[in-house]
Amino acid sequence: MKVLILVTSVPYAKDYTTIRNLTKALTEKGHEVVLFLSGNGVYYLLRPDAEELHLFGAKVMFCAHSANQRGVKEIPNWAESSSTYSMSQMMKDFDKVLAFN
């Protein structure tokens, strides 16, 4: 199963633990997981332990416009720059879409 997790909440909210545990469980079961960070979700790029999401096997993408608006300049090598438009175009390719706001 292909799962898209759209994250627009800040990384220090209670959602982080839920997103972390969900990503880990899904990837351990062999599901393809893509996390898309947009809005305040781009602050995940600044959280040092957020790399674990990638290390679990999830692909991490982010909205470059959101990052620019919020002054997030140092982009970790485990995250791929994209756009909200691109994310909207690829939504049809996923079996499930979950949103954390």
Protein backbone atom coordinates (compact mmCIF):
# COMPACT_ATOMS: atom_id res chain seq x y z
CA MET A 1 0.00 0.00 0.00
CA LYS A 2 1.18 3.53 -0.78
CA VAL A 3 0.52 6.06 1.98
CA LEU A 4 0.93 9.84 1.82
CA ILE A 5 1.19 11.62 5.14
CA LEU A 6 0.62 15.35 4.76
CA VAL A 7 2.05 17.32 7.68
CA THR A 8 1.19 20.97 8.24
CA SER A 9 1.53 21.04 12.05
CA VAL A 10 4.63 22.20 13.90
CA PRO A 11 7.11 19.44 14.81
CA TYR A 12 6.94 20.00 18.54
CA ALA A 13 3.18 19.38 18.70
CA LYS A 14 1.81 16.08 19.99
CA ASP A 15 1.45 14.97 16.36
CA TYR A 16 5.18 14.26 16.07
CA THR A 17 5.03 11.10 18.17
CA THR A 18 1.96 9.87 16.30
CA ILE A 19 3.56 10.57 12.91
CA ARG A 20 6.82 8.92 14.01
CA ASN A 21 5.10 5.78 15.30
CA LEU A 22 2.78 5.54 12.30
CA THR A 23 5.65 5.96 9.83
CA LYS A 24 7.71 3.33 11.62
CA ALA A 25 4.85 0.83 11.78
CA LEU A 26 3.87 1.30 8.14
CA THR A 27 7.41 0.99 6.78
CA GLU A 28 8.11 -2.07 8.96
CA LYS A 29 5.07 -3.73 7.36
CA GLY A 30 6.51 -2.99 3.91
CA HIS A 31 4.23 -0.13 2.94
CA GLU A 32 5.56 2.74 0.84
CA VAL A 33 5.33 5.96 2.85
CA VAL A 34 5.83 9.52 1.67
CA LEU A 35 5.73 12.38 4.15
CA PHE A 36 5.00 15.77 2.66
CA LEU A 37 5.82 18.78 4.84
CA SER A 38 3.96 21.98 4.06
CA GLY A 39 3.08 25.15 5.93
CA ASN A 40 4.42 24.92 9.49
CA GLY A 41 5.28 21.28 8.79
CA VAL A 42 8.49 22.45 7.09
CA TYR A 43 9.85 23.11 10.57
CA TYR A 44 10.35 19.33 10.77
CA LEU A 45 13.42 20.00 8.64
CA LEU A 46 14.95 21.78 11.63
CA ARG A 47 14.19 19.09 14.19
CA PRO A 48 17.38 17.00 14.58
CA ASP A 49 15.63 13.70 15.26
CA ALA A 50 13.22 14.06 12.32
CA GLU A 51 15.81 12.30 10.15
CA GLU A 52 14.58 9.08 11.72
CA LEU A 53 11.47 9.33 9.54
CA HIS A 54 13.73 8.94 6.52
CA LEU A 55 15.81 6.26 8.22
CA PHE A 56 12.63 4.19 8.76
CA GLY A 57 12.37 4.08 4.97
CA ALA A 58 9.91 6.90 4.28
CA LYS A 59 10.50 9.44 1.55
CA VAL A 60 10.40 12.96 2.99
CA MET A 61 9.40 15.83 0.72
CA PHE A 62 8.67 19.47 1.52
CA CYS A 63 7.12 22.53 -0.04
CA ALA A 64 9.99 24.83 -1.01
CA HIS A 65 7.70 27.87 -0.97
CA SER A 66 6.61 27.14 2.62
CA ALA A 67 10.25 26.69 3.66
CA ASN A 68 11.23 29.97 2.03
CA GLN A 69 8.32 31.84 3.66
CA ARG A 70 9.36 30.55 7.09
CA GLY A 71 13.07 31.22 6.67
CA VAL A 72 14.09 27.55 6.64
CA LYS A 73 17.32 27.80 4.70
CA GLU A 74 19.38 24.78 5.75
CA ILE A 75 17.78 21.81 4.09
CA PRO A 76 18.92 18.38 5.27
CA ASN A 77 20.07 15.90 2.64
CA TRP A 78 17.32 13.42 3.62
CA ALA A 79 14.53 15.72 2.40
CA GLU A 80 13.51 16.45 -1.19
CA SER A 81 12.33 19.88 -2.33
CA SER A 82 8.96 19.95 -4.07
CA SER A 83 5.78 22.03 -4.21
CA THR A 84 2.24 21.77 -2.96
CA TYR A 85 1.12 21.66 -6.58
CA SER A 86 3.33 18.62 -7.24
CA MET A 87 1.96 16.96 -4.13
CA SER A 88 -1.61 17.57 -5.31
CA GLN A 89 -0.77 15.95 -8.65
CA MET A 90 0.68 12.82 -7.05
CA MET A 91 -2.18 12.31 -4.55
CA LYS A 92 -3.99 10.12 -7.05
CA ASP A 93 -1.10 7.63 -6.90
CA PHE A 94 -1.66 6.84 -3.20
CA ASP A 95 -4.00 4.33 -1.64
CA LYS A 96 -4.35 6.37 1.56
CA VAL A 97 -3.78 10.04 2.37
CA LEU A 98 -3.52 11.11 6.01
CA ALA A 99 -3.33 14.75 7.09
CA PHE A 100 -1.93 16.15 10.34
CA ASN A 101 -2.75 19.78 10.92
